[in-house]
C-alpha cells in the first residue's frame, strides 16, 4: 500500500497519566537545640568537660571520640606529635572558646598552660585514646 501525498499517518499516543507527589508525613520542628548524632543512639548524653571561664561564661570540650583519636594519629604521622596535639586541642576547644581566651585581657600565660594541660590529660587519658592506641594514657 502506498501513502498518498499530503496526508499524514495517524500516530496513536499513550494516555497521559498524572503522578501526584506522595503525602508527606512531616513532624513539626521542635523548639530548642538540636543534639546532632543523638538519633538512633542508646540515649547516652554528650559528655563535656569544663575547661575555663571567661566573663562568667564556662567553656568546655567534648569527651574525645575515636574519630578525634584517629584524626590525631593520622596527623601525627605527617606533622609530628606536637603539631597533631596542638591541632586536635584546637578542634576540641572550638572557635568560640579559642576566641574568648584570645580576646580576654585577663588571660595569663599560666591560665593558658593550665588549660592546655587539662585538654591534653582529657585527650590522652580518654577511653577512646586508650582503646585505639592500646595504651594506658599519660
N, C-alpha and C. Protein backbone atom coordinates (compact mmCIF):
# COMPACT_ATOMS: atom_id res chain seq x y z
N UNK A 1 0.85 -1.16 0.00
CA UNK A 1 0.00 0.00 0.00
C UNK A 1 0.90 1.23 0.00
N UNK A 2 0.58 2.20 -0.76
CA UNK A 2 1.37 3.41 -0.87
C UNK A 2 0.63 4.56 -0.21
N UNK A 3 1.43 5.46 0.37
CA UNK A 3 0.84 6.61 1.04
C UNK A 3 0.54 7.68 0.03
N UNK A 4 -0.53 8.40 0.27
CA UNK A 4 -0.89 9.48 -0.62
C UNK A 4 -0.14 10.72 -0.22
N UNK A 5 0.14 11.53 -1.22
CA UNK A 5 0.79 12.79 -0.95
C UNK A 5 -0.16 13.71 -0.20
N UNK A 6 0.42 14.43 0.81
CA UNK A 6 -0.37 15.41 1.53
C UNK A 6 -1.16 14.86 2.70
N UNK A 7 -1.08 13.57 2.96
CA UNK A 7 -1.80 13.03 4.11
C UNK A 7 -0.78 12.52 5.12
N UNK A 8 -1.10 12.64 6.35
CA UNK A 8 -0.21 12.17 7.41
C UNK A 8 -0.78 10.90 8.00
N UNK A 9 0.13 10.01 8.38
CA UNK A 9 -0.30 8.78 9.01
C UNK A 9 -0.68 9.08 10.46
N UNK A 10 -1.72 8.52 10.94
CA UNK A 10 -2.17 8.74 12.32
C UNK A 10 -1.27 7.98 13.28
N UNK A 11 -0.80 8.69 14.32
CA UNK A 11 0.05 8.07 15.33
C UNK A 11 -0.77 7.97 16.60
N UNK A 12 -0.83 6.77 17.15
CA UNK A 12 -1.58 6.57 18.38
C UNK A 12 -0.66 6.87 19.55
N UNK A 13 -1.03 7.81 20.43
CA UNK A 13 -0.21 8.22 21.58
C UNK A 13 -0.79 7.58 22.85
N UNK A 14 0.12 7.23 23.80
CA UNK A 14 -0.39 6.67 25.05
C UNK A 14 -1.09 7.76 25.87
N UNK A 15 -2.02 7.32 26.72
CA UNK A 15 -2.73 8.25 27.59
C UNK A 15 -1.74 8.87 28.57
N UNK A 16 -1.98 10.14 28.88
CA UNK A 16 -1.17 10.83 29.87
C UNK A 16 -1.71 10.48 31.25
N UNK A 17 -0.77 10.07 32.13
CA UNK A 17 -1.17 9.72 33.49
C UNK A 17 -0.54 10.75 34.42
N UNK A 18 -1.37 11.37 35.26
CA UNK A 18 -0.84 12.33 36.22
C UNK A 18 -0.30 11.59 37.43
N UNK A 19 0.88 12.01 37.86
CA UNK A 19 1.50 11.42 39.03
C UNK A 19 1.52 12.48 40.11
N UNK A 20 0.83 12.21 41.19
CA UNK A 20 0.78 13.16 42.31
C UNK A 20 1.91 12.85 43.27
N UNK A 21 2.49 13.88 43.90
CA UNK A 21 3.54 13.64 44.89
C UNK A 21 2.96 12.87 46.08
N UNK A 22 3.76 12.04 46.71
CA UNK A 22 3.24 11.28 47.85
C UNK A 22 2.91 12.21 49.01
N UNK A 23 1.99 11.78 49.82
CA UNK A 23 1.67 12.54 51.03
C UNK A 23 2.87 12.47 51.95
N UNK A 24 3.32 13.62 52.44
CA UNK A 24 4.47 13.66 53.32
C UNK A 24 4.02 13.68 54.77
N UNK A 25 4.61 12.82 55.54
CA UNK A 25 4.33 12.77 56.97
C UNK A 25 5.48 13.48 57.67
N UNK A 26 5.36 14.78 57.84
CA UNK A 26 6.44 15.59 58.39
C UNK A 26 6.08 16.00 59.81
N UNK A 27 7.01 15.74 60.72
CA UNK A 27 6.81 16.15 62.10
C UNK A 27 7.13 17.64 62.21
N UNK A 28 6.43 18.34 63.08
CA UNK A 28 6.74 19.77 63.25
C UNK A 28 8.12 19.94 63.88
N UNK A 29 8.77 21.02 63.53
CA UNK A 29 10.10 21.31 64.07
C UNK A 29 9.95 21.70 65.52
N UNK A 30 10.78 21.08 66.36
CA UNK A 30 10.73 21.37 67.79
C UNK A 30 11.58 22.59 68.10
N UNK A 31 11.17 23.31 69.13
CA UNK A 31 11.98 24.42 69.62
C UNK A 31 13.11 23.86 70.45
N UNK A 32 14.21 24.59 70.53
CA UNK A 32 15.33 24.16 71.36
C UNK A 32 16.48 23.68 70.51
N UNK A 33 17.59 23.38 71.18
CA UNK A 33 18.78 22.97 70.44
C UNK A 33 18.65 21.57 69.86
N UNK A 34 19.34 21.34 68.78
CA UNK A 34 19.39 20.03 68.15
C UNK A 34 20.65 19.33 68.63
N UNK A 35 20.50 18.12 69.10
CA UNK A 35 21.67 17.33 69.52
C UNK A 35 22.04 16.45 68.34
N UNK A 36 23.08 16.86 67.63
CA UNK A 36 23.50 16.18 66.42
C UNK A 36 24.07 14.81 66.78
N UNK A 37 23.65 13.78 66.04
CA UNK A 37 24.18 12.44 66.25
C UNK A 37 23.45 11.65 67.31
N UNK A 38 22.45 12.24 67.96
CA UNK A 38 21.75 11.55 69.04
C UNK A 38 20.71 10.57 68.48
N UNK A 39 20.19 10.82 67.29
CA UNK A 39 19.20 9.94 66.69
C UNK A 39 19.76 8.53 66.55
N UNK A 40 19.03 7.57 67.02
CA UNK A 40 19.45 6.17 66.88
C UNK A 40 20.50 5.72 67.88
N UNK A 41 20.90 6.61 68.77
CA UNK A 41 21.90 6.25 69.78
C UNK A 41 21.20 5.60 70.97
N UNK A 42 21.97 5.12 71.89
CA UNK A 42 21.42 4.42 73.05
C UNK A 42 20.87 5.37 74.10
N UNK A 43 20.93 6.64 73.87
CA UNK A 43 20.42 7.60 74.83
C UNK A 43 21.49 8.18 75.72
N UNK A 44 22.73 7.83 75.49
CA UNK A 44 23.82 8.38 76.29
C UNK A 44 23.94 9.88 76.02
N UNK A 45 24.09 10.64 77.08
CA UNK A 45 24.24 12.08 76.94
C UNK A 45 25.63 12.42 76.43
N UNK A 46 25.73 13.52 75.73
CA UNK A 46 27.01 14.01 75.27
C UNK A 46 27.77 14.53 76.49
N UNK A 47 28.92 13.96 76.74
CA UNK A 47 29.72 14.35 77.89
C UNK A 47 30.63 15.50 77.49
N UNK A 48 30.62 16.56 78.31
CA UNK A 48 31.50 17.69 78.09
C UNK A 48 32.29 17.93 79.37
N UNK A 49 33.51 18.43 79.21
CA UNK A 49 34.38 18.72 80.34
C UNK A 49 34.61 20.22 80.41
N UNK A 50 34.27 20.82 81.54
CA UNK A 50 34.51 22.25 81.74
C UNK A 50 36.02 22.50 81.75
N UNK A 51 36.43 23.56 81.03
CA UNK A 51 37.86 23.87 80.93
C UNK A 51 38.22 25.21 81.56
N UNK A 52 37.46 26.24 81.25
CA UNK A 52 37.76 27.56 81.79
C UNK A 52 36.55 28.46 81.67
N UNK A 53 36.61 29.55 82.41
CA UNK A 53 35.53 30.53 82.42
C UNK A 53 36.10 31.90 82.09
N UNK A 54 35.42 32.62 81.21
CA UNK A 54 35.78 33.99 80.86
C UNK A 54 34.51 34.83 80.94
N UNK A 55 34.56 35.91 81.69
CA UNK A 55 33.43 36.83 81.83
C UNK A 55 32.12 36.12 82.17
N UNK A 56 32.21 35.13 83.07
CA UNK A 56 31.01 34.43 83.53
C UNK A 56 30.50 33.34 82.60
N UNK A 57 31.20 33.08 81.50
CA UNK A 57 30.79 32.05 80.55
C UNK A 57 31.76 30.88 80.67
N UNK A 58 31.21 29.67 80.93
CA UNK A 58 32.03 28.47 81.04
C UNK A 58 32.24 27.87 79.64
N UNK A 59 33.48 27.55 79.34
CA UNK A 59 33.83 26.91 78.06
C UNK A 59 34.27 25.48 78.35
N UNK A 60 33.85 24.58 77.49
CA UNK A 60 34.10 23.16 77.71
C UNK A 60 34.51 22.49 76.41
N UNK A 61 34.93 21.25 76.54
CA UNK A 61 35.26 20.45 75.36
C UNK A 61 34.51 19.13 75.45
N UNK A 62 34.23 18.51 74.30
CA UNK A 62 33.53 17.22 74.34
C UNK A 62 34.49 16.11 74.77
N UNK A 63 33.92 15.05 75.27
CA UNK A 63 34.71 13.85 75.54
C UNK A 63 35.32 13.41 74.21
N UNK A 64 36.62 13.19 74.15
CA UNK A 64 37.24 12.76 72.89
C UNK A 64 36.63 11.45 72.38
N UNK A 65 36.48 11.39 71.08
CA UNK A 65 35.90 10.21 70.43
C UNK A 65 36.99 9.45 69.68
N UNK A 66 36.63 8.30 69.21
CA UNK A 66 37.55 7.53 68.38
C UNK A 66 37.92 8.32 67.13
N UNK A 67 36.97 9.09 66.60
CA UNK A 67 37.25 9.93 65.44
C UNK A 67 38.33 10.96 65.73
N UNK A 68 38.28 11.57 66.92
CA UNK A 68 39.33 12.53 67.30
C UNK A 68 40.69 11.84 67.35
N UNK A 69 40.72 10.65 67.95
CA UNK A 69 41.99 9.93 68.11
C UNK A 69 42.56 9.54 66.74
N UNK A 70 41.71 9.05 65.87
CA UNK A 70 42.19 8.66 64.53
C UNK A 70 42.70 9.88 63.76
N UNK A 71 42.02 11.00 63.90
CA UNK A 71 42.46 12.23 63.25
C UNK A 71 43.82 12.65 63.79
N UNK A 72 43.99 12.58 65.12
CA UNK A 72 45.27 12.92 65.74
C UNK A 72 46.38 12.00 65.22
N UNK A 73 46.15 10.69 65.22
CA UNK A 73 47.18 9.73 64.79
C UNK A 73 47.56 9.94 63.32
N UNK A 74 46.57 10.18 62.49
CA UNK A 74 46.85 10.43 61.06
C UNK A 74 47.70 11.68 60.89
N UNK A 75 47.34 12.73 61.62
CA UNK A 75 48.07 13.99 61.51
C UNK A 75 49.48 13.87 62.10
N UNK A 76 49.61 13.09 63.18
CA UNK A 76 50.92 12.91 63.84
C UNK A 76 51.92 12.24 62.90
N UNK A 77 51.44 11.36 62.05
CA UNK A 77 52.33 10.68 61.09
C UNK A 77 52.93 11.67 60.10
N UNK A 78 52.18 12.71 59.77
CA UNK A 78 52.63 13.68 58.78
C UNK A 78 53.37 14.86 59.40
N UNK A 79 52.85 15.36 60.52
CA UNK A 79 53.36 16.62 61.07
C UNK A 79 54.07 16.47 62.41
N UNK A 80 54.03 15.29 62.99
CA UNK A 80 54.65 15.09 64.29
C UNK A 80 53.64 15.18 65.41
N UNK A 81 54.01 14.61 66.56
CA UNK A 81 53.09 14.53 67.69
C UNK A 81 52.71 15.90 68.24
N UNK A 82 53.68 16.80 68.36
CA UNK A 82 53.39 18.11 68.95
C UNK A 82 52.39 18.89 68.11
N UNK A 83 52.62 18.95 66.81
CA UNK A 83 51.70 19.67 65.92
C UNK A 83 50.32 19.02 65.93
N UNK A 84 50.27 17.69 65.90
CA UNK A 84 48.99 16.98 65.91
C UNK A 84 48.25 17.24 67.22
N UNK A 85 48.97 17.25 68.35
CA UNK A 85 48.34 17.51 69.65
C UNK A 85 47.77 18.92 69.70
N UNK A 86 48.52 19.90 69.18
CA UNK A 86 48.00 21.27 69.16
C UNK A 86 46.76 21.37 68.29
N UNK A 87 46.79 20.73 67.13
CA UNK A 87 45.65 20.81 66.22
C UNK A 87 44.41 20.14 66.79
N UNK A 88 44.58 18.97 67.42
CA UNK A 88 43.40 18.31 67.99
C UNK A 88 42.90 19.10 69.19
N UNK A 89 43.81 19.76 69.91
CA UNK A 89 43.40 20.63 71.01
C UNK A 89 42.54 21.79 70.51
N UNK A 90 42.96 22.39 69.39
CA UNK A 90 42.16 23.47 68.79
C UNK A 90 40.79 22.94 68.37
N UNK A 91 40.76 21.75 67.78
CA UNK A 91 39.48 21.16 67.37
C UNK A 91 38.56 20.93 68.57
N UNK A 92 39.12 20.39 69.64
CA UNK A 92 38.31 20.08 70.82
C UNK A 92 37.81 21.34 71.53
N UNK A 93 38.65 22.37 71.57
CA UNK A 93 38.23 23.63 72.20
C UNK A 93 37.17 24.34 71.37
N UNK A 94 37.37 24.41 70.08
CA UNK A 94 36.42 25.09 69.21
C UNK A 94 36.74 26.57 69.08
N UNK A 95 36.23 27.16 68.01
CA UNK A 95 36.50 28.56 67.68
C UNK A 95 36.02 29.52 68.76
N UNK A 96 34.83 29.29 69.27
CA UNK A 96 34.26 30.23 70.24
C UNK A 96 35.12 30.30 71.51
N UNK A 97 35.52 29.15 72.02
CA UNK A 97 36.35 29.13 73.23
C UNK A 97 37.73 29.74 72.97
N UNK A 98 38.31 29.41 71.82
CA UNK A 98 39.62 29.97 71.48
C UNK A 98 39.56 31.49 71.35
N UNK A 99 38.51 31.99 70.71
CA UNK A 99 38.35 33.44 70.56
C UNK A 99 38.15 34.12 71.91
N UNK A 100 37.36 33.49 72.79
CA UNK A 100 37.13 34.08 74.11
C UNK A 100 38.44 34.16 74.88
N UNK A 101 39.24 33.12 74.81
CA UNK A 101 40.51 33.09 75.52
C UNK A 101 41.49 34.10 74.92
N UNK A 102 41.56 34.14 73.60
CA UNK A 102 42.48 35.04 72.91
C UNK A 102 42.12 36.51 73.14
N UNK A 103 40.84 36.80 73.27
CA UNK A 103 40.39 38.19 73.42
C UNK A 103 40.25 38.66 74.86
N UNK A 104 40.53 37.77 75.80
CA UNK A 104 40.40 38.16 77.21
C UNK A 104 41.67 38.86 77.68
N UNK A 105 41.55 40.10 78.14
CA UNK A 105 42.73 40.80 78.65
C UNK A 105 43.21 40.22 79.98
N UNK A 106 42.37 39.40 80.61
CA UNK A 106 42.72 38.82 81.91
C UNK A 106 43.44 37.48 81.80
N UNK A 107 43.51 36.89 80.60
CA UNK A 107 44.15 35.57 80.46
C UNK A 107 45.66 35.71 80.64
N UNK A 108 46.20 34.84 81.50
CA UNK A 108 47.65 34.86 81.74
C UNK A 108 48.30 33.65 81.07
N UNK A 109 49.63 33.69 80.97
CA UNK A 109 50.36 32.54 80.43
C UNK A 109 50.06 31.29 81.25
N UNK A 110 50.01 31.46 82.56
CA UNK A 110 49.73 30.32 83.46
C UNK A 110 48.34 29.76 83.18
N UNK A 111 47.36 30.63 82.93
CA UNK A 111 46.00 30.16 82.61
C UNK A 111 46.02 29.29 81.36
N UNK A 112 46.71 29.77 80.32
CA UNK A 112 46.77 29.04 79.06
C UNK A 112 47.49 27.71 79.25
N UNK A 113 48.58 27.69 80.00
CA UNK A 113 49.30 26.44 80.28
C UNK A 113 48.38 25.44 80.98
N UNK A 114 47.63 25.90 81.96
CA UNK A 114 46.75 25.00 82.70
C UNK A 114 45.62 24.47 81.82
N UNK A 115 45.08 25.32 80.95
CA UNK A 115 44.01 24.88 80.04
C UNK A 115 44.54 23.81 79.09
N UNK A 116 45.71 24.07 78.45
CA UNK A 116 46.28 23.10 77.51
C UNK A 116 46.64 21.80 78.22
N UNK A 117 47.12 21.90 79.46
CA UNK A 117 47.44 20.70 80.23
C UNK A 117 46.18 19.87 80.46
N UNK A 118 45.08 20.54 80.81
CA UNK A 118 43.82 19.83 81.04
C UNK A 118 43.31 19.19 79.75
N UNK A 119 43.39 19.90 78.64
CA UNK A 119 42.97 19.34 77.36
C UNK A 119 43.78 18.08 77.06
N UNK A 120 45.11 18.16 77.24
CA UNK A 120 45.97 17.01 76.99
C UNK A 120 45.64 15.83 77.88
N UNK A 121 45.43 16.08 79.17
CA UNK A 121 45.10 14.99 80.09
C UNK A 121 43.77 14.34 79.72
N UNK A 122 42.79 15.16 79.37
CA UNK A 122 41.49 14.61 78.98
C UNK A 122 41.57 13.83 77.68
N UNK A 123 42.38 14.32 76.73
CA UNK A 123 42.50 13.62 75.44
C UNK A 123 43.30 12.32 75.59
N UNK A 124 44.52 12.42 76.11
CA UNK A 124 45.39 11.25 76.18
C UNK A 124 44.96 10.26 77.26
N UNK A 125 44.13 10.70 78.20
CA UNK A 125 43.61 9.81 79.22
C UNK A 125 42.23 9.26 78.91
N UNK A 126 41.68 9.64 77.75
CA UNK A 126 40.32 9.22 77.40
C UNK A 126 40.26 7.73 77.06
N UNK A 127 39.09 7.17 77.26
CA UNK A 127 38.90 5.76 76.91
C UNK A 127 39.05 5.55 75.41
N UNK A 128 38.69 6.56 74.61
CA UNK A 128 38.85 6.44 73.16
C UNK A 128 40.32 6.33 72.79
N UNK A 129 41.16 7.17 73.40
CA UNK A 129 42.60 7.12 73.11
C UNK A 129 43.18 5.78 73.54
N UNK A 130 42.81 5.34 74.72
CA UNK A 130 43.32 4.07 75.24
C UNK A 130 42.90 2.89 74.37
N UNK A 131 41.66 2.90 73.90
CA UNK A 131 41.18 1.77 73.10
C UNK A 131 41.81 1.73 71.72
N UNK A 132 42.04 2.89 71.12
CA UNK A 132 42.62 2.92 69.77
C UNK A 132 44.11 2.61 69.80
N UNK A 133 44.81 3.17 70.79
CA UNK A 133 46.26 3.00 70.83
C UNK A 133 46.72 1.82 71.66
N UNK A 134 45.82 1.26 72.44
CA UNK A 134 46.20 0.14 73.30
C UNK A 134 47.12 0.53 74.43
N UNK A 135 47.02 1.80 74.86
CA UNK A 135 47.88 2.29 75.95
C UNK A 135 47.04 2.63 77.16
N UNK A 136 47.71 2.97 78.22
CA UNK A 136 47.01 3.39 79.43
C UNK A 136 46.92 4.90 79.53
N UNK A 137 47.38 5.63 78.51
CA UNK A 137 47.30 7.09 78.50
C UNK A 137 48.48 7.69 79.24
N UNK A 138 48.48 9.04 79.32
CA UNK A 138 49.56 9.75 80.00
C UNK A 138 49.16 10.09 81.41
